[in-house]
Protein backbone atom coordinates (compact mmCIF):
# COMPACT_ATOMS: atom_id res chain seq x y z
CA UNK A 1 104.40 240.92 453.73
CA UNK A 2 103.93 244.67 454.19
CA UNK A 3 101.71 244.44 457.26
CA UNK A 4 98.76 243.93 454.92
CA UNK A 5 97.71 240.66 456.46
CA UNK A 6 99.15 238.57 453.60
CA UNK A 7 100.95 235.26 453.97
CA UNK A 8 104.36 234.41 452.61
CA UNK A 9 104.31 231.14 450.66
CA UNK A 10 107.12 228.88 451.75
CA UNK A 11 108.94 226.42 449.49
CA UNK A 12 107.36 223.49 451.33
CA UNK A 13 103.88 224.88 450.66
CA UNK A 14 104.61 225.26 446.95
CA UNK A 15 105.98 221.72 446.67
CA UNK A 16 102.99 220.28 448.50
CA UNK A 17 100.62 222.09 446.11
CA UNK A 18 102.63 220.86 443.12
CA UNK A 19 102.40 217.24 444.23
CA UNK A 20 98.74 217.43 445.29
CA UNK A 21 97.42 216.61 441.85
CA UNK A 22 99.68 213.60 441.51
CA UNK A 23 98.62 212.15 444.84
CA UNK A 24 95.00 212.81 443.97
CA UNK A 25 95.32 210.94 440.68
CA UNK A 26 97.03 208.02 442.40
CA UNK A 27 94.27 207.95 445.00
CA UNK A 28 91.61 207.87 442.28
CA UNK A 29 93.37 204.99 440.53
CA UNK A 30 93.63 203.08 443.81
CA UNK A 31 89.95 203.67 444.56
CA UNK A 32 89.04 202.37 441.08
CA UNK A 33 91.11 199.23 441.67
CA UNK A 34 89.50 198.73 445.08
CA UNK A 35 86.01 199.12 443.56
CA UNK A 36 86.81 196.52 440.91
CA UNK A 37 88.11 194.09 443.54
CA UNK A 38 84.88 194.59 445.45
CA UNK A 39 82.81 193.90 442.31
CA UNK A 40 84.76 190.70 441.68
CA UNK A 41 83.58 189.31 445.00
CA UNK A 42 79.85 189.99 444.53
CA UNK A 43 77.16 188.75 442.14
CA UNK A 44 76.63 191.25 439.29
CA UNK A 45 72.90 190.50 439.31
CA UNK A 46 72.04 190.46 443.03
CA UNK A 47 75.13 192.05 444.70
CA UNK A 48 75.28 189.08 447.10
CA UNK A 49 78.74 187.79 448.14
CA UNK A 50 80.32 185.09 445.97
CA UNK A 51 82.50 183.77 448.79
CA UNK A 52 81.82 182.01 452.08
CA UNK A 53 81.06 178.51 453.39
CA UNK A 54 77.56 178.42 451.87
CA UNK A 55 78.51 179.88 448.50
CA UNK A 56 76.66 178.41 445.53
CA UNK A 57 78.16 177.73 442.12
CA UNK A 58 79.73 180.79 440.45
CA UNK A 59 79.12 181.40 436.74
CA UNK A 60 80.11 184.03 434.19
CA UNK A 61 78.81 185.34 430.86
CA UNK A 62 80.63 186.40 427.70
CA UNK A 63 80.95 189.94 429.09
CA UNK A 64 83.13 188.77 431.99
CA UNK A 65 80.61 189.42 434.77
CA UNK A 66 80.45 187.03 437.75
CA UNK A 67 77.16 185.68 439.11
CA UNK A 68 75.69 183.42 441.75
CA UNK A 69 74.25 180.64 439.59
CA UNK A 70 71.07 180.31 441.66
CA UNK A 71 70.34 184.04 441.16
CA UNK A 72 70.84 183.76 437.40
CA UNK A 73 68.53 180.74 437.15
CA UNK A 74 65.88 182.65 439.09
CA UNK A 75 66.30 185.62 436.75
CA UNK A 76 65.91 183.39 433.70
CA UNK A 77 62.63 182.04 435.08
CA UNK A 78 61.32 185.52 435.85
CA UNK A 79 62.86 187.48 432.97
CA UNK A 80 59.45 188.09 431.36
CA UNK A 81 58.10 189.77 434.49
CA UNK A 82 58.17 193.54 435.10
CA UNK A 83 60.52 192.99 438.03
CA UNK A 84 63.53 192.89 435.73
CA UNK A 85 62.45 194.46 432.45
CA UNK A 86 60.46 197.57 433.41
CA UNK A 87 60.61 200.53 435.76
CA UNK A 88 57.99 202.71 437.42
CA UNK A 89 57.87 206.09 435.65
CA UNK A 90 56.58 209.37 437.11
CA UNK A 91 53.18 208.74 435.59
CA UNK A 92 52.83 205.58 437.64
CA UNK A 93 53.06 203.34 434.59
CA UNK A 94 55.61 200.67 433.87
CA UNK A 95 57.88 201.40 430.94
CA UNK A 96 59.79 198.60 429.25
CA UNK A 97 63.55 199.04 429.55
CA UNK A 98 66.38 197.05 428.03
CA UNK A 99 67.92 195.06 430.86
CA UNK A 100 71.74 194.85 431.10
CA UNK A 101 71.19 191.13 431.68
CA UNK A 102 68.86 190.48 428.73
CA UNK A 103 71.54 188.31 427.10
CA UNK A 104 71.09 185.74 429.88
CA UNK A 105 68.40 183.59 428.28
CA UNK A 106 69.48 179.99 428.92
CA UNK A 107 72.22 177.81 430.37
CA UNK A 108 74.03 178.18 427.04
CA UNK A 109 74.78 181.79 428.01
CA UNK A 110 76.72 181.02 431.20
CA UNK A 111 79.75 178.93 432.20
CA UNK A 112 80.69 177.55 435.61
CA UNK A 113 83.96 179.15 436.76
CA UNK A 114 86.43 178.15 439.46
CA UNK A 115 87.86 180.86 441.72
CA UNK A 116 90.78 180.53 444.12
CA UNK A 117 90.19 182.81 447.13
CA UNK A 118 92.85 184.26 449.39
CA UNK A 119 92.05 185.72 452.81
CA UNK A 120 92.64 189.46 452.99
CA UNK A 121 94.69 190.48 456.05
CA UNK A 122 93.13 193.96 456.05
CA UNK A 123 89.48 192.99 455.82
CA UNK A 124 86.87 190.27 455.88
CA UNK A 125 86.45 190.25 452.09
CA UNK A 126 88.86 187.81 450.39
CA UNK A 127 90.74 188.46 447.14
CA UNK A 128 90.82 186.43 443.96
CA UNK A 129 94.14 184.63 443.66
CA UNK A 130 95.80 183.30 440.53
CA UNK A 131 96.36 179.55 441.16
CA UNK A 132 99.59 179.66 439.13
CA UNK A 133 101.41 182.81 440.25
CA UNK A 134 99.64 183.05 443.65
CA UNK A 135 99.32 186.81 443.10
CA UNK A 136 96.22 188.54 444.43
CA UNK A 137 96.88 192.27 444.09
CA UNK A 138 94.32 194.77 442.82
CA UNK A 139 96.29 195.48 439.63
CA UNK A 140 96.01 191.91 438.32
CA UNK A 141 93.74 191.39 435.31
CA UNK A 142 92.07 187.99 435.48
CA UNK A 143 90.57 185.85 432.75
CA UNK A 144 88.82 182.49 432.58
CA UNK A 145 88.87 179.75 429.98
CA UNK A 146 85.65 178.57 428.36
CA UNK A 147 86.51 174.83 428.22
CA UNK A 148 87.38 174.46 431.93
CA UNK A 149 86.29 177.64 433.74
CA UNK A 150 89.67 178.16 435.46
CA UNK A 151 90.30 181.80 436.47
CA UNK A 152 93.94 182.75 435.87
CA UNK A 153 96.08 185.87 435.55
CA UNK A 154 95.75 187.16 431.98
CA UNK A 155 99.51 187.81 431.84
CA UNK A 156 100.16 184.08 432.21
CA UNK A 157 97.89 183.29 429.26
CA UNK A 158 99.52 185.95 427.07
CA UNK A 159 102.95 184.59 427.98
CA UNK A 160 101.94 181.03 427.04
CA UNK A 161 100.65 182.13 423.64
CA UNK A 162 103.85 184.04 422.91
CA UNK A 163 106.06 181.18 424.11
CA UNK A 164 104.40 178.44 422.07
CA UNK A 165 104.03 180.73 419.05
CA UNK A 166 107.80 181.34 418.97
CA UNK A 167 108.55 177.69 419.72
CA UNK A 168 106.37 176.35 416.90
CA UNK A 169 107.30 179.19 414.50
CA UNK A 170 103.64 179.86 413.72
CA UNK A 171 102.54 183.26 412.51
CA UNK A 172 99.04 183.06 414.00
CA UNK A 173 99.78 181.70 417.46
CA UNK A 174 96.30 182.79 418.64
CA UNK A 175 94.85 179.80 416.77
CA UNK A 176 97.07 177.33 418.63
CA UNK A 177 95.54 174.95 421.15
CA UNK A 178 97.34 175.16 424.50
CA UNK A 179 97.04 173.26 427.78
CA UNK A 180 95.44 175.17 430.64
CA UNK A 181 98.32 175.74 433.11
CA UNK A 182 95.97 174.96 435.99
CA UNK A 183 94.06 171.83 434.93
CA UNK A 184 95.59 170.78 431.60
CA UNK A 185 92.45 171.09 429.46
CA UNK A 186 93.05 172.39 425.94
CA UNK A 187 91.96 175.91 424.96
CA UNK A 188 92.35 178.33 422.06
CA UNK A 189 93.38 181.89 422.94
CA UNK A 190 91.40 183.36 420.04
CA UNK A 191 87.94 182.36 421.29
CA UNK A 192 88.29 180.55 424.64
CA UNK A 193 89.57 183.42 426.83
CA UNK A 194 87.16 185.79 428.63
CA UNK A 195 88.49 188.74 430.63
CA UNK A 196 86.79 189.45 433.96
CA UNK A 197 85.30 192.88 433.44
CA UNK A 198 82.97 194.00 436.26
CA UNK A 199 83.54 197.72 435.59
CA UNK A 200 83.09 197.63 431.78
CA UNK A 201 86.64 198.69 430.95
CA UNK A 202 86.54 199.51 427.18
CA UNK A 203 89.63 197.47 426.22
CA UNK A 204 88.34 194.38 428.00
CA UNK A 205 84.85 194.84 426.59
CA UNK A 206 86.30 194.97 423.07
CA UNK A 207 88.40 191.85 423.70
CA UNK A 208 85.39 189.86 424.98
CA UNK A 209 83.11 191.06 422.17
CA UNK A 210 85.69 190.03 419.56
CA UNK A 211 86.05 186.58 421.12
CA UNK A 212 82.28 186.11 421.34
CA UNK A 213 81.71 187.25 417.76
CA UNK A 214 84.24 184.69 416.55
CA UNK A 215 82.30 181.96 418.37
CA UNK A 216 79.08 183.13 416.74
CA UNK A 217 80.71 182.84 413.33
CA UNK A 218 81.40 179.22 414.25
CA UNK A 219 77.67 178.85 415.13
CA UNK A 220 78.54 178.34 418.80
CA UNK A 221 77.11 179.93 421.93
CA UNK A 222 79.11 181.37 424.84
CA UNK A 223 79.31 177.91 426.43
CA UNK A 224 80.48 176.50 423.05
CA UNK A 225 77.25 174.56 422.57
CA UNK A 226 75.73 174.68 419.07
CA UNK A 227 73.30 177.49 418.38
CA UNK A 228 69.67 176.56 417.92
CA UNK A 229 68.88 176.40 414.23
CA UNK A 230 66.04 178.86 413.69
CA UNK A 231 65.90 178.05 409.99
CA UNK A 232 64.76 174.49 410.66
CA UNK A 233 61.89 175.79 412.77
CA UNK A 234 60.86 178.20 410.00
CA UNK A 235 61.08 175.44 407.37
CA UNK A 236 58.98 173.15 409.56
CA UNK A 237 56.41 175.90 410.02
CA UNK A 238 56.27 176.46 406.25
CA UNK A 239 55.88 172.72 405.67
CA UNK A 240 53.01 172.57 408.18
CA UNK A 241 51.29 175.51 406.48
CA UNK A 242 51.69 173.84 403.08
CA UNK A 243 50.25 170.60 404.47
CA UNK A 244 47.24 172.43 405.92
CA UNK A 245 46.75 174.23 402.61
CA UNK A 246 46.75 170.92 400.71
CA UNK A 247 44.20 169.48 403.13
CA UNK A 248 41.92 172.49 402.68
CA UNK A 249 42.30 172.21 398.91
CA UNK A 250 41.46 168.48 399.04
CA UNK A 251 38.32 169.15 401.12
CA UNK A 252 37.25 171.88 398.68
CA UNK A 253 37.67 169.50 395.73
CA UNK A 254 35.59 166.85 397.53
CA UNK A 255 32.82 169.36 398.21
CA UNK A 256 32.83 170.47 394.56
CA UNK A 257 32.56 166.86 393.35
CA UNK A 258 29.64 166.14 395.68
CA UNK A 259 27.86 169.29 394.48
CA UNK A 260 28.26 168.23 390.84
CA UNK A 261 26.95 164.71 391.55
CA UNK A 262 23.94 166.11 393.42
CA UNK A 263 23.04 168.34 390.46
CA UNK A 264 23.27 165.36 388.12
């Protein structure tokens, strides 16, 4: 202003600075949505595309991650090797690490899911599309049903639970069995709904953990197959040990009797 080389701030400059933070926040939110959409189209284990003419069967776990089934089966066969469960440390030695996929132990831990793809006009990567609402925007939260594997907009499922709960005048509508709006198979909202959660969003993680824990209380696995009864194996092992002990005792008694007869 006073020939000191300074610059006069105009109103437009002030307004642009004021709105900069807002635009930046919106940009960050959009980037997060775009990243999630990208993760929904790739295998969580191998990062290979889940779409295309030669795509194999797609599966998911109780955490809501999507996988190429062939990659998961390969992992299950090799899960004891250092390739997945250890890393090379600075000392040149392998150190055992807990794998984020250690819960994938058998076919009981995965479910085949069915995805409707929609071509993206702005890129080669397609978007997941709800088969009911036909929406495929980045803000949509998707979920799949354990009994049938259909992937649907979570809003639709919430709306169905609310509708039938009010219609039947039931206090705990989450326990109701409802028809899948896509294929008609029955499901229970309380333990049959899994939210797709490639980015580990806390609210979705909590929802999926709660649903999975309820299944475990029912002695069921993620795929709703009965858990293996470890107690029976332990009881059988104890019975075998007891049988061996009796046999050893019988042989000892026989040896003692023979010794006595020999002395006589």
